[in-house]
Amino acid sequence: MAVLNIKRLAIPRYEVYGLTLESILPLPELLASEGKVDVYIDIDQTKGVASHEHSPILCVDASSTRAHLIWGGVGDLIIEDGQRITALPDPNADEGALRLFILGAGLGVLLHQRGLLVLHASGVVINDRVIGFIGAKGWGKSTTTAIMHQRGHALISDELLVMRFDDQGQPRLIPGSPQIRLWSDALVSTGRNLDSTDRVRPGIDKFNIDASCMAPEGLRLHCLYLLDAGEELSIRPMSPSEAFFGIVPHLYVHRFGTYFLKAMGMEYTFRQLNQLLKKINVRRLLRWKDLNQLPDIAQRIEQDIFQEFK
């Protein structure tokens, strides 16, 4: 694997989510930075990690300051103190998969350790306010974000929606990397060409698309749309209790189970969530699974937002 040949000379720095990362593993998905280092990413190949069976990303152990994740066939990550990610790669790991592990689960946990609220969500900007999309796997968070971005709305982030709260308790978004990941059918449905697009990693039918129009830091989160199934395209308000229980499964630290959530500080996270719900609207966006409906979905979202600003 490529990381075996990495030389520890001039270690590059990158910027994402308002942080400067110094990484021994090249991260071409990110923009270069010359800022003071906030987070160190290292590769430790001295531990002799055994090759695991292929499996989803799982939590082995966690506390408020340290988390140990494994991804079968890719390796282990140790995330510590909101400042360091150490990767222990599987002997047969693909470098692209290792980058995906670090930039997804690794950063998601690290940002939580730094006291930020992290949702498994995507978002764009309409009229200087952030609109986020949450939903179960396969329900089109990234696809909806991509079609909105294609219609001229700046990207905040794909996969991780990261926010801090200002002195007035307003949720302020921190932009992620300038990329959106799409499955091949979604990519084609947004008018892009598979032949000119890079795969996220070998062996899967998912691709990175560049999102050159990125939003600035500090914009306020205005609302979240929970993507769900329905017989007709519609947008409906959600009550506070519906919104709370609708968002909980999409807290990033919830993805590894209740034990992990408790170990990482459930009380603090739920206080943040309650604070969030005092400041934003949450709506259920109902539609059927049909990529041909994307333009109609985008227009319906725009109409829903624009009518509030009249």
C-alpha atoms as a PDB file:
ATOM      1  CA  MET A   1       0.000   0.000   0.000  1.00  0.00           C
ATOM      2  CA  ALA A   2       1.193   3.540  -0.735  1.00  0.00           C
ATOM      3  CA  VAL A   3       1.577   4.643   2.893  1.00  0.00           C
ATOM      4  CA  LEU A   4       4.491   2.192   3.294  1.00  0.00           C
ATOM      5  CA  ASN A   5       6.613   4.490   1.146  1.00  0.00           C
ATOM      6  CA  ILE A   6       5.791   7.752   2.901  1.00  0.00           C
ATOM      7  CA  LYS A   7       8.864   9.709   4.030  1.00  0.00           C
ATOM      8  CA  ARG A   8       8.666  11.855   7.137  1.00  0.00           C
ATOM      9  CA  LEU A   9      10.388  14.930   5.730  1.00  0.00           C
ATOM     10  CA  ALA A  10       8.320  17.980   4.840  1.00  0.00           C
ATOM     11  CA  ILE A  11       4.944  16.911   6.214  1.00  0.00           C
ATOM     12  CA  PRO A  12       2.140  18.744   4.382  1.00  0.00           C
ATOM     13  CA  ARG A  13      -0.588  20.738   6.088  1.00  0.00           C
ATOM     14  CA  TYR A  14      -4.237  21.007   5.116  1.00  0.00           C
ATOM     15  CA  GLU A  15      -7.294  22.967   6.197  1.00  0.00           C
ATOM     16  CA  VAL A  16     -10.786  21.670   6.889  1.00  0.00           C
ATOM     17  CA  TYR A  17     -13.561  22.475   9.406  1.00  0.00           C
ATOM     18  CA  GLY A  18     -11.617  25.520  10.553  1.00  0.00           C
ATOM     19  CA  LEU A  19      -8.592  23.426  11.548  1.00  0.00           C
ATOM     20  CA  THR A  20      -5.085  22.992  10.208  1.00  0.00           C
ATOM     21  CA  LEU A  21      -4.108  19.336   9.874  1.00  0.00           C
ATOM     22  CA  GLU A  22      -0.548  18.072   9.591  1.00  0.00           C
ATOM     23  CA  SER A  23      -0.751  14.643   7.991  1.00  0.00           C
ATOM     24  CA  ILE A  24       1.898  12.068   7.168  1.00  0.00           C
ATOM     25  CA  LEU A  25      -0.712  10.556   4.822  1.00  0.00           C
ATOM     26  CA  PRO A  26      -1.325  12.771   1.764  1.00  0.00           C
ATOM     27  CA  LEU A  27      -4.882  14.132   1.750  1.00  0.00           C
ATOM     28  CA  PRO A  28      -5.442  15.451  -1.790  1.00  0.00           C
ATOM     29  CA  GLU A  29      -9.148  15.974  -1.068  1.00  0.00           C
ATOM     30  CA  LEU A  30      -8.277  18.945   1.158  1.00  0.00           C
ATOM     31  CA  LEU A  31      -6.918  22.425   0.517  1.00  0.00           C
ATOM     32  CA  ALA A  32      -3.337  23.202   1.497  1.00  0.00           C
ATOM     33  CA  SER A  33      -2.651  25.319   4.573  1.00  0.00           C
ATOM     34  CA  GLU A  34       0.277  27.140   6.152  1.00  0.00           C
ATOM     35  CA  GLY A  35      -1.487  27.761   9.453  1.00  0.00           C
ATOM     36  CA  LYS A  36      -0.508  26.714  12.955  1.00  0.00           C
ATOM     37  CA  VAL A  37      -1.154  22.996  13.400  1.00  0.00           C
ATOM     38  CA  ASP A  38      -4.292  22.057  15.347  1.00  0.00           C
ATOM     39  CA  VAL A  39      -4.427  18.328  14.560  1.00  0.00           C
ATOM     40  CA  TYR A  40      -1.729  15.746  13.848  1.00  0.00           C
ATOM     41  CA  ILE A  41      -2.450  12.704  11.688  1.00  0.00           C
ATOM     42  CA  ASP A  42       0.106   9.912  11.872  1.00  0.00           C
ATOM     43  CA  ILE A  43       0.593   6.378  10.573  1.00  0.00           C
ATOM     44  CA  ASP A  44       1.894   3.738  12.972  1.00  0.00           C
ATOM     45  CA  GLN A  45       2.993   0.550  11.224  1.00  0.00           C
ATOM     46  CA  THR A  46       4.952  -0.829  14.185  1.00  0.00           C
ATOM     47  CA  LYS A  47       1.978  -2.338  16.005  1.00  0.00           C
ATOM     48  CA  GLY A  48       1.630  -5.338  13.727  1.00  0.00           C
ATOM     49  CA  VAL A  49      -2.124  -4.982  13.221  1.00  0.00           C
ATOM     50  CA  ALA A  50      -3.632  -8.241  12.005  1.00  0.00           C
ATOM     51  CA  SER A  51      -5.771  -8.251   8.888  1.00  0.00           C
ATOM     52  CA  HIS A  52      -9.450  -8.085   9.931  1.00  0.00           C
ATOM     53  CA  GLU A  53     -12.375  -9.487   8.038  1.00  0.00           C
ATOM     54  CA  HIS A  54     -14.191  -6.820   6.062  1.00  0.00           C
ATOM     55  CA  SER A  55     -16.748  -5.176   8.330  1.00  0.00           C
ATOM     56  CA  PRO A  56     -18.492  -1.843   8.942  1.00  0.00           C
ATOM     57  CA  ILE A  57     -16.734   0.787  11.048  1.00  0.00           C
ATOM     58  CA  LEU A  58     -17.030  -0.221  14.707  1.00  0.00           C
ATOM     59  CA  CYS A  59     -16.058   1.254  18.059  1.00  0.00           C
ATOM     60  CA  VAL A  60     -13.687  -0.904  20.141  1.00  0.00           C
ATOM     61  CA  ASP A  61     -13.326   1.447  23.103  1.00  0.00           C
ATOM     62  CA  ALA A  62     -14.127   5.040  23.973  1.00  0.00           C
ATOM     63  CA  SER A  63     -13.893   7.692  26.658  1.00  0.00           C
ATOM     64  CA  SER A  64     -14.458  11.438  26.630  1.00  0.00           C
ATOM     65  CA  THR A  65     -10.890  11.987  25.352  1.00  0.00           C
ATOM     66  CA  ARG A  66      -9.976   8.827  23.445  1.00  0.00           C
ATOM     67  CA  ALA A  67     -11.708   6.604  20.903  1.00  0.00           C
ATOM     68  CA  HIS A  68     -10.577   3.439  19.164  1.00  0.00           C
ATOM     69  CA  LEU A  69     -12.326   2.568  15.890  1.00  0.00           C
ATOM     70  CA  ILE A  70     -11.781  -0.329  13.513  1.00  0.00           C
ATOM     71  CA  TRP A  71     -12.798  -0.841   9.910  1.00  0.00           C
ATOM     72  CA  GLY A  72     -12.296  -4.424   8.830  1.00  0.00           C
ATOM     73  CA  GLY A  73      -9.914  -4.632   5.886  1.00  0.00           C
ATOM     74  CA  VAL A  74      -8.765  -1.019   6.343  1.00  0.00           C
ATOM     75  CA  GLY A  75      -7.324  -0.749   9.856  1.00  0.00           C
ATOM     76  CA  ASP A  76      -7.655   0.934  13.248  1.00  0.00           C
ATOM     77  CA  LEU A  77      -7.890   4.599  14.233  1.00  0.00           C
ATOM     78  CA  ILE A  78      -6.961   6.040  17.613  1.00  0.00           C
ATOM     79  CA  ILE A  79      -8.481   9.517  18.087  1.00  0.00           C
ATOM     80  CA  GLU A  80      -7.184  11.445  21.102  1.00  0.00           C
ATOM     81  CA  ASP A  81      -7.946  14.737  22.851  1.00  0.00           C
ATOM     82  CA  GLY A  82      -9.328  16.410  19.751  1.00  0.00           C
ATOM     83  CA  GLN A  83      -5.733  16.808  18.582  1.00  0.00           C
ATOM     84  CA  ARG A  84      -4.391  13.571  17.134  1.00  0.00           C
ATOM     85  CA  ILE A  85      -5.468  10.730  14.867  1.00  0.00           C
ATOM     86  CA  THR A  86      -3.173   7.711  14.643  1.00  0.00           C
ATOM     87  CA  ALA A  87      -3.927   5.200  11.898  1.00  0.00           C
ATOM     88  CA  LEU A  88      -2.830   1.573  12.186  1.00  0.00           C
ATOM     89  CA  PRO A  89      -3.411   0.315   8.650  1.00  0.00           C
ATOM     90  CA  ASP A  90      -4.409  -3.217   7.788  1.00  0.00           C
ATOM     91  CA  PRO A  91      -1.560  -4.892   5.844  1.00  0.00           C
ATOM     92  CA  ASN A  92      -3.791  -5.082   2.776  1.00  0.00           C
ATOM     93  CA  ALA A  93      -5.467  -1.699   3.146  1.00  0.00           C
ATOM     94  CA  ASP A  94      -6.075   0.580   0.213  1.00  0.00           C
ATOM     95  CA  GLU A  95      -4.784   4.126   0.703  1.00  0.00           C
ATOM     96  CA  GLY A  96      -8.015   5.649  -0.585  1.00  0.00           C
ATOM     97  CA  ALA A  97     -10.044   3.709   1.969  1.00  0.00           C
ATOM     98  CA  LEU A  98      -7.675   4.768   4.747  1.00  0.00           C
ATOM     99  CA  ARG A  99      -8.100   8.434   3.751  1.00  0.00           C
ATOM    100  CA  LEU A 100     -11.857   7.961   3.731  1.00  0.00           C
ATOM    101  CA  PHE A 101     -11.685   6.440   7.231  1.00  0.00           C
ATOM    102  CA  ILE A 102      -9.637   9.351   8.581  1.00  0.00           C
ATOM    103  CA  LEU A 103     -11.599  12.140   6.891  1.00  0.00           C
ATOM    104  CA  GLY A 104     -14.964  10.608   7.781  1.00  0.00           C
ATOM    105  CA  ALA A 105     -15.199   8.701  11.043  1.00  0.00           C
ATOM    106  CA  GLY A 106     -11.851   9.932  12.368  1.00  0.00           C
ATOM    107  CA  LEU A 107     -12.571  13.626  11.926  1.00  0.00           C
ATOM    108  CA  GLY A 108     -16.207  13.193  12.972  1.00  0.00           C
ATOM    109  CA  VAL A 109     -15.136  11.856  16.367  1.00  0.00           C
ATOM    110  CA  LEU A 110     -12.246  14.330  16.725  1.00  0.00           C
ATOM    111  CA  LEU A 111     -14.519  17.317  16.079  1.00  0.00           C
ATOM    112  CA  HIS A 112     -16.900  16.024  18.746  1.00  0.00           C
ATOM    113  CA  GLN A 113     -13.958  15.772  21.158  1.00  0.00           C
ATOM    114  CA  ARG A 114     -13.315  19.454  20.459  1.00  0.00           C
ATOM    115  CA  GLY A 115     -16.797  20.334  21.718  1.00  0.00           C
ATOM    116  CA  LEU A 116     -18.483  20.862  18.354  1.00  0.00           C
ATOM    117  CA  LEU A 117     -21.886  19.508  17.382  1.00  0.00           C
ATOM    118  CA  VAL A 118     -21.459  17.113  14.455  1.00  0.00           C
ATOM    119  CA  LEU A 119     -24.346  15.731  12.411  1.00  0.00           C
ATOM    120  CA  HIS A 120     -24.182  13.007   9.780  1.00  0.00           C
ATOM    121  CA  ALA A 121     -25.623  15.396   7.231  1.00  0.00           C
ATOM    122  CA  SER A 122     -24.889  17.606   4.237  1.00  0.00           C
ATOM    123  CA  GLY A 123     -25.695  21.217   3.539  1.00  0.00           C
ATOM    124  CA  VAL A 124     -25.764  24.200   1.182  1.00  0.00           C
ATOM    125  CA  VAL A 125     -26.395  27.937   1.490  1.00  0.00           C
ATOM    126  CA  ILE A 126     -29.533  29.737   0.341  1.00  0.00           C
ATOM    127  CA  ASN A 127     -29.816  33.488   0.962  1.00  0.00           C
ATOM    128  CA  ASP A 128     -26.819  33.447   3.312  1.00  0.00           C
ATOM    129  CA  ARG A 129     -28.365  30.800   5.535  1.00  0.00           C
ATOM    130  CA  VAL A 130     -27.414  27.160   5.761  1.00  0.00           C
ATOM    131  CA  ILE A 131     -29.907  24.471   4.794  1.00  0.00           C
ATOM    132  CA  GLY A 132     -29.019  20.966   5.982  1.00  0.00           C
ATOM    133  CA  PHE A 133     -30.177  17.533   4.834  1.00  0.00           C
ATOM    134  CA  ILE A 134     -30.387  14.522   7.146  1.00  0.00           C
ATOM    135  CA  GLY A 135     -31.795  11.078   6.504  1.00  0.00           C
ATOM    136  CA  ALA A 136     -31.167   7.367   6.580  1.00  0.00           C
ATOM    137  CA  LYS A 137     -28.413   5.850   4.461  1.00  0.00           C
ATOM    138  CA  GLY A 138     -29.362   5.854   0.804  1.00  0.00           C
ATOM    139  CA  TRP A 139     -32.030   8.551   1.102  1.00  0.00           C
ATOM    140  CA  GLY A 140     -30.112  11.152  -0.844  1.00  0.00           C
ATOM    141  CA  LYS A 141     -28.369  13.618   1.479  1.00  0.00           C
ATOM    142  CA  SER A 142     -25.392  13.975  -0.844  1.00  0.00           C
ATOM    143  CA  THR A 143     -27.493  13.750  -3.994  1.00  0.00           C
ATOM    144  CA  THR A 144     -29.839  16.511  -2.823  1.00  0.00           C
ATOM    145  CA  THR A 145     -26.821  18.610  -1.842  1.00  0.00           C
ATOM    146  CA  ALA A 146     -25.245  18.035  -5.266  1.00  0.00           C
ATOM    147  CA  ILE A 147     -28.327  19.121  -7.208  1.00  0.00           C
ATOM    148  CA  MET A 148     -28.702  22.220  -5.016  1.00  0.00           C
ATOM    149  CA  HIS A 149     -25.024  23.060  -5.527  1.00  0.00           C
ATOM    150  CA  GLN A 150     -25.464  22.606  -9.270  1.00  0.00           C
ATOM    151  CA  ARG A 151     -28.245  25.204  -9.118  1.00  0.00           C
ATOM    152  CA  GLY A 152     -25.814  27.786  -7.731  1.00  0.00           C
ATOM    153  CA  HIS A 153     -26.054  27.269  -3.958  1.00  0.00           C
ATOM    154  CA  ALA A 154     -22.659  27.198  -2.228  1.00  0.00           C
ATOM    155  CA  LEU A 155     -21.609  24.018  -0.471  1.00  0.00           C
ATOM    156  CA  ILE A 156     -21.047  23.943   3.296  1.00  0.00           C
ATOM    157  CA  SER A 157     -20.133  20.286   3.604  1.00  0.00           C
ATOM    158  CA  ASP A 158     -20.977  16.754   2.564  1.00  0.00           C
ATOM    159  CA  GLU A 159     -21.316  13.913   5.108  1.00  0.00           C
ATOM    160  CA  LEU A 160     -20.366  15.963   8.194  1.00  0.00           C
ATOM    161  CA  LEU A 161     -22.301  19.082   9.175  1.00  0.00           C
ATOM    162  CA  VAL A 162     -20.209  20.752  11.889  1.00  0.00           C
ATOM    163  CA  MET A 163     -21.294  23.674  14.036  1.00  0.00           C
ATOM    164  CA  ARG A 164     -20.384  25.797  17.016  1.00  0.00           C
ATOM    165  CA  PHE A 165     -22.683  28.097  18.999  1.00  0.00           C
ATOM    166  CA  ASP A 166     -22.011  31.822  19.245  1.00  0.00           C
ATOM    167  CA  ASP A 167     -22.614  34.047  22.286  1.00  0.00           C
ATOM    168  CA  GLN A 168     -26.303  34.342  21.371  1.00  0.00           C
ATOM    169  CA  GLY A 169     -26.670  30.578  21.083  1.00  0.00           C
ATOM    170  CA  GLN A 170     -26.932  30.684  17.283  1.00  0.00           C
ATOM    171  CA  PRO A 171     -25.560  27.618  15.461  1.00  0.00           C
ATOM    172  CA  ARG A 172     -22.711  28.711  13.161  1.00  0.00           C
ATOM    173  CA  LEU A 173     -21.499  26.310  10.483  1.00  0.00           C
ATOM    174  CA  ILE A 174     -17.870  25.429   9.764  1.00  0.00           C
ATOM    175  CA  PRO A 175     -17.227  24.472   6.109  1.00  0.00           C
ATOM    176  CA  GLY A 176     -15.780  21.077   5.224  1.00  0.00           C
ATOM    177  CA  SER A 177     -13.873  19.891   2.168  1.00  0.00           C
ATOM    178  CA  PRO A 178     -14.812  21.063  -1.364  1.00  0.00           C
ATOM    179  CA  GLN A 179     -16.093  17.669  -2.482  1.00  0.00           C
ATOM    180  CA  ILE A 180     -19.352  15.734  -2.685  1.00  0.00           C
ATOM    181  CA  ARG A 181     -19.455  11.941  -2.897  1.00  0.00           C
ATOM    182  CA  LEU A 182     -22.077  10.393  -5.181  1.00  0.00           C
ATOM    183  CA  TRP A 183     -23.023   6.909  -6.295  1.00  0.00           C
ATOM    184  CA  SER A 184     -22.771   6.442 -10.056  1.00  0.00           C
ATOM    185  CA  ASP A 185     -26.525   6.599 -10.748  1.00  0.00           C
ATOM    186  CA  ALA A 186     -26.854   9.823  -8.743  1.00  0.00           C
ATOM    187  CA  LEU A 187     -23.802  11.286 -10.450  1.00  0.00           C
ATOM    188  CA  VAL A 188     -25.233  10.596 -13.914  1.00  0.00           C
ATOM    189  CA  SER A 189     -28.624  11.974 -12.859  1.00  0.00           C
ATOM    190  CA  THR A 190     -26.976  15.322 -12.060  1.00  0.00           C
ATOM    191  CA  GLY A 191     -25.552  15.479 -15.594  1.00  0.00           C
ATOM    192  CA  ARG A 192     -21.955  14.523 -14.829  1.00  0.00           C
ATOM    193  CA  ASN A 193     -19.670  12.139 -16.709  1.00  0.00           C
ATOM    194  CA  LEU A 194     -18.408   8.978 -14.991  1.00  0.00           C
ATOM    195  CA  ASP A 195     -15.312   8.797 -17.211  1.00  0.00           C
ATOM    196  CA  SER A 196     -14.013  12.174 -16.025  1.00  0.00           C
ATOM    197  CA  THR A 197     -14.691  11.595 -12.315  1.00  0.00           C
ATOM    198  CA  ASP A 198     -12.485   9.854  -9.739  1.00  0.00           C
ATOM    199  CA  ARG A 199     -13.737   7.000  -7.605  1.00  0.00           C
ATOM    200  CA  VAL A 200     -13.777   7.491  -3.839  1.00  0.00           C
ATOM    201  CA  ARG A 201     -11.760   4.254  -3.608  1.00  0.00           C
ATOM    202  CA  PRO A 202     -11.243   1.191  -5.772  1.00  0.00           C
ATOM    203  CA  GLY A 203     -13.934  -1.449  -5.748  1.00  0.00           C
ATOM    204  CA  ILE A 204     -16.950   0.742  -4.998  1.00  0.00           C
ATOM    205  CA  ASP A 205     -19.237   2.567  -7.389  1.00  0.00           C
ATOM    206  CA  LYS A 206     -18.969   5.944  -5.640  1.00  0.00           C
ATOM    207  CA  PHE A 207     -17.256   9.054  -6.989  1.00  0.00           C
ATOM    208  CA  ASN A 208     -15.832  12.380  -5.798  1.00  0.00           C
ATOM    209  CA  ILE A 209     -17.065  15.518  -7.491  1.00  0.00           C
ATOM    210  CA  ASP A 210     -15.393  18.887  -6.974  1.00  0.00           C
ATOM    211  CA  ALA A 211     -17.490  21.648  -5.445  1.00  0.00           C
ATOM    212  CA  SER A 212     -15.559  24.793  -6.261  1.00  0.00           C
ATOM    213  CA  CYS A 213     -18.243  27.109  -4.855  1.00  0.00           C
ATOM    214  CA  MET A 214     -17.758  26.878  -1.089  1.00  0.00           C
ATOM    215  CA  ALA A 215     -19.510  28.926   1.592  1.00  0.00           C
ATOM    216  CA  PRO A 216     -17.604  31.060   4.111  1.00  0.00           C
ATOM    217  CA  GLU A 217     -17.351  30.134   7.783  1.00  0.00           C
ATOM    218  CA  GLY A 218     -19.802  31.455  10.339  1.00  0.00           C
ATOM    219  CA  LEU A 219     -23.114  31.335   8.483  1.00  0.00           C
ATOM    220  CA  ARG A 220     -26.124  30.456  10.599  1.00  0.00           C
ATOM    221  CA  LEU A 221     -27.973  27.164  10.282  1.00  0.00           C
ATOM    222  CA  HIS A 222     -31.534  28.040   9.317  1.00  0.00           C
ATOM    223  CA  CYS A 223     -33.254  24.679   8.987  1.00  0.00           C
ATOM    224  CA  LEU A 224     -32.836  20.956   8.545  1.00  0.00           C
ATOM    225  CA  TYR A 225     -34.783  18.792   6.140  1.00  0.00           C
ATOM    226  CA  LEU A 226     -35.311  15.174   7.188  1.00  0.00           C
ATOM    227  CA  LEU A 227     -35.494  13.157   3.960  1.00  0.00           C
ATOM    228  CA  ASP A 228     -38.197  10.493   4.103  1.00  0.00           C
ATOM    229  CA  ALA A 229     -40.482   8.373   1.935  1.00  0.00           C
ATOM    230  CA  GLY A 230     -43.856   9.629   0.796  1.00  0.00           C
ATOM    231  CA  GLU A 231     -46.407   9.074  -1.940  1.00  0.00           C
ATOM    232  CA  GLU A 232     -46.097  12.664  -3.125  1.00  0.00           C
ATOM    233  CA  LEU A 233     -43.516  15.413  -2.904  1.00  0.00           C
ATOM    234  CA  SER A 234     -44.243  17.579   0.121  1.00  0.00           C
ATOM    235  CA  ILE A 235     -42.603  19.464   2.975  1.00  0.00           C
ATOM    236  CA  ARG A 236     -44.155  19.338   6.431  1.00  0.00           C
ATOM    237  CA  PRO A 237     -43.168  20.979   9.721  1.00  0.00           C
ATOM    238  CA  MET A 238     -42.079  18.732  12.587  1.00  0.00           C
ATOM    239  CA  SER A 239     -43.025  19.259  16.228  1.00  0.00           C
ATOM    240  CA  PRO A 240     -40.173  19.787  18.752  1.00  0.00           C
ATOM    241  CA  SER A 241     -40.400  16.198  19.986  1.00  0.00           C
ATOM    242  CA  GLU A 242     -40.523  14.813  16.425  1.00  0.00           C
ATOM    243  CA  ALA A 243     -37.527  16.950  15.527  1.00  0.00           C
ATOM    244  CA  PHE A 244     -35.522  15.815  18.565  1.00  0.00           C
ATOM    245  CA  PHE A 245     -36.034  12.113  17.948  1.00  0.00           C
ATOM    246  CA  GLY A 246     -35.657  12.646  14.216  1.00  0.00           C
ATOM    247  CA  ILE A 247     -32.195  14.207  14.622  1.00  0.00           C
ATOM    248  CA  VAL A 248     -30.792  11.921  17.353  1.00  0.00           C
ATOM    249  CA  PRO A 249     -29.993   9.013  14.968  1.00  0.00           C
ATOM    250  CA  HIS A 250     -28.005  11.483  12.842  1.00  0.00           C
ATOM    251  CA  LEU A 251     -25.754  12.753  15.613  1.00  0.00           C
ATOM    252  CA  TYR A 252     -22.377  11.589  14.392  1.00  0.00           C
ATOM    253  CA  VAL A 253     -21.426   9.992  17.700  1.00  0.00           C
ATOM    254  CA  HIS A 254     -24.706   8.058  17.684  1.00  0.00           C
ATOM    255  CA  ARG A 255     -23.613   5.978  14.681  1.00  0.00           C
ATOM    256  CA  PHE A 256     -21.435   3.735  16.900  1.00  0.00           C
ATOM    257  CA  GLY A 257     -24.166   2.888  19.393  1.00  0.00           C
ATOM    258  CA  THR A 258     -25.442   3.943  22.821  1.00  0.00           C
ATOM    259  CA  TYR A 259     -22.270   2.873  24.656  1.00  0.00           C
ATOM    260  CA  PHE A 260     -20.168   5.106  22.464  1.00  0.00           C
ATOM    261  CA  LEU A 261     -22.574   8.031  22.815  1.00  0.00           C
ATOM    262  CA  LYS A 262     -22.522   7.756  26.613  1.00  0.00           C
ATOM    263  CA  ALA A 263     -18.742   7.411  26.712  1.00  0.00           C
ATOM    264  CA  MET A 264     -18.295  10.485  24.526  1.00  0.00           C
ATOM    265  CA  GLY A 265     -20.544  12.720  26.646  1.00  0.00           C
ATOM    266  CA  MET A 266     -24.213  12.151  25.878  1.00  0.00           C
ATOM    267  CA  GLU A 267     -25.466  14.828  28.298  1.00  0.00           C
ATOM    268  CA  TYR A 268     -23.388  17.558  26.668  1.00  0.00           C
ATOM    269  CA  THR A 269     -24.426  16.477  23.174  1.00  0.00           C
ATOM    270  CA  PHE A 270     -28.110  16.464  24.094  1.00  0.00           C
ATOM    271  CA  ARG A 271     -27.793  19.942  25.614  1.00  0.00           C
ATOM    272  CA  GLN A 272     -26.330  21.107  22.315  1.00  0.00           C
ATOM    273  CA  LEU A 273     -29.176  19.450  20.426  1.00  0.00           C
ATOM    274  CA  ASN A 274     -31.800  21.122  22.609  1.00  0.00           C
ATOM    275  CA  GLN A 275     -30.062  24.451  22.077  1.00  0.00           C
ATOM    276  CA  LEU A 276     -30.068  23.835  18.337  1.00  0.00           C
ATOM    277  CA  LEU A 277     -33.796  23.101  18.267  1.00  0.00           C
ATOM    278  CA  LYS A 278     -34.537  26.448  19.908  1.00  0.00           C
ATOM    279  CA  LYS A 279     -32.917  28.239  16.978  1.00  0.00           C
ATOM    280  CA  ILE A 280     -33.821  26.292  13.823  1.00  0.00           C
ATOM    281  CA  ASN A 281     -36.767  24.771  12.015  1.00  0.00           C
ATOM    282  CA  VAL A 282     -36.875  21.062  11.206  1.00  0.00           C
ATOM    283  CA  ARG A 283     -39.060  19.853   8.350  1.00  0.00           C
ATOM    284  CA  ARG A 284     -39.836  16.476   6.878  1.00  0.00           C
ATOM    285  CA  LEU A 285     -39.280  16.337   3.114  1.00  0.00           C
ATOM    286  CA  LEU A 286     -41.376  13.512   1.691  1.00  0.00           C
ATOM    287  CA  ARG A 287     -40.742  12.068  -1.756  1.00  0.00           C
ATOM    288  CA  TRP A 288     -40.382   8.752  -3.498  1.00  0.00           C
ATOM    289  CA  LYS A 289     -37.054   7.216  -4.503  1.00  0.00           C
ATOM    290  CA  ASP A 290     -36.752   8.443  -8.051  1.00  0.00           C
ATOM    291  CA  LEU A 291     -33.690  10.323  -9.282  1.00  0.00           C
ATOM    292  CA  ASN A 292     -35.781  11.844 -12.081  1.00  0.00           C
ATOM    293  CA  GLN A 293     -37.572  13.800  -9.357  1.00  0.00           C
ATOM    294  CA  LEU A 294     -34.415  15.706  -8.332  1.00  0.00           C
ATOM    295  CA  PRO A 295     -35.216  18.958 -10.206  1.00  0.00           C
ATOM    296  CA  ASP A 296     -38.691  19.025  -8.633  1.00  0.00           C
ATOM    297  CA  ILE A 297     -37.219  18.422  -5.175  1.00  0.00           C
ATOM    298  CA  ALA A 298     -34.721  21.248  -5.629  1.00  0.00           C
ATOM    299  CA  GLN A 299     -37.434  23.660  -6.790  1.00  0.00           C
ATOM    300  CA  ARG A 300     -39.675  22.700  -3.877  1.00  0.00           C
ATOM    301  CA  ILE A 301     -36.871  23.375  -1.371  1.00  0.00           C
ATOM    302  CA  GLU A 302     -36.110  26.753  -2.961  1.00  0.00           C
ATOM    303  CA  GLN A 303     -39.771  27.734  -2.883  1.00  0.00           C
ATOM    304  CA  ASP A 304     -40.014  26.691   0.772  1.00  0.00           C
ATOM    305  CA  ILE A 305     -37.015  28.817   1.728  1.00  0.00           C
ATOM    306  CA  PHE A 306     -37.646  31.846  -0.495  1.00  0.00           C
ATOM    307  CA  GLN A 307     -41.215  32.312   0.714  1.00  0.00           C
ATOM    308  CA  GLU A 308     -39.885  32.796   4.258  1.00  0.00           C
ATOM    309  CA  PHE A 309     -37.705  35.687   3.138  1.00  0.00           C
ATOM    310  CA  LYS A 310     -40.479  37.602   1.375  1.00  0.00           C
END
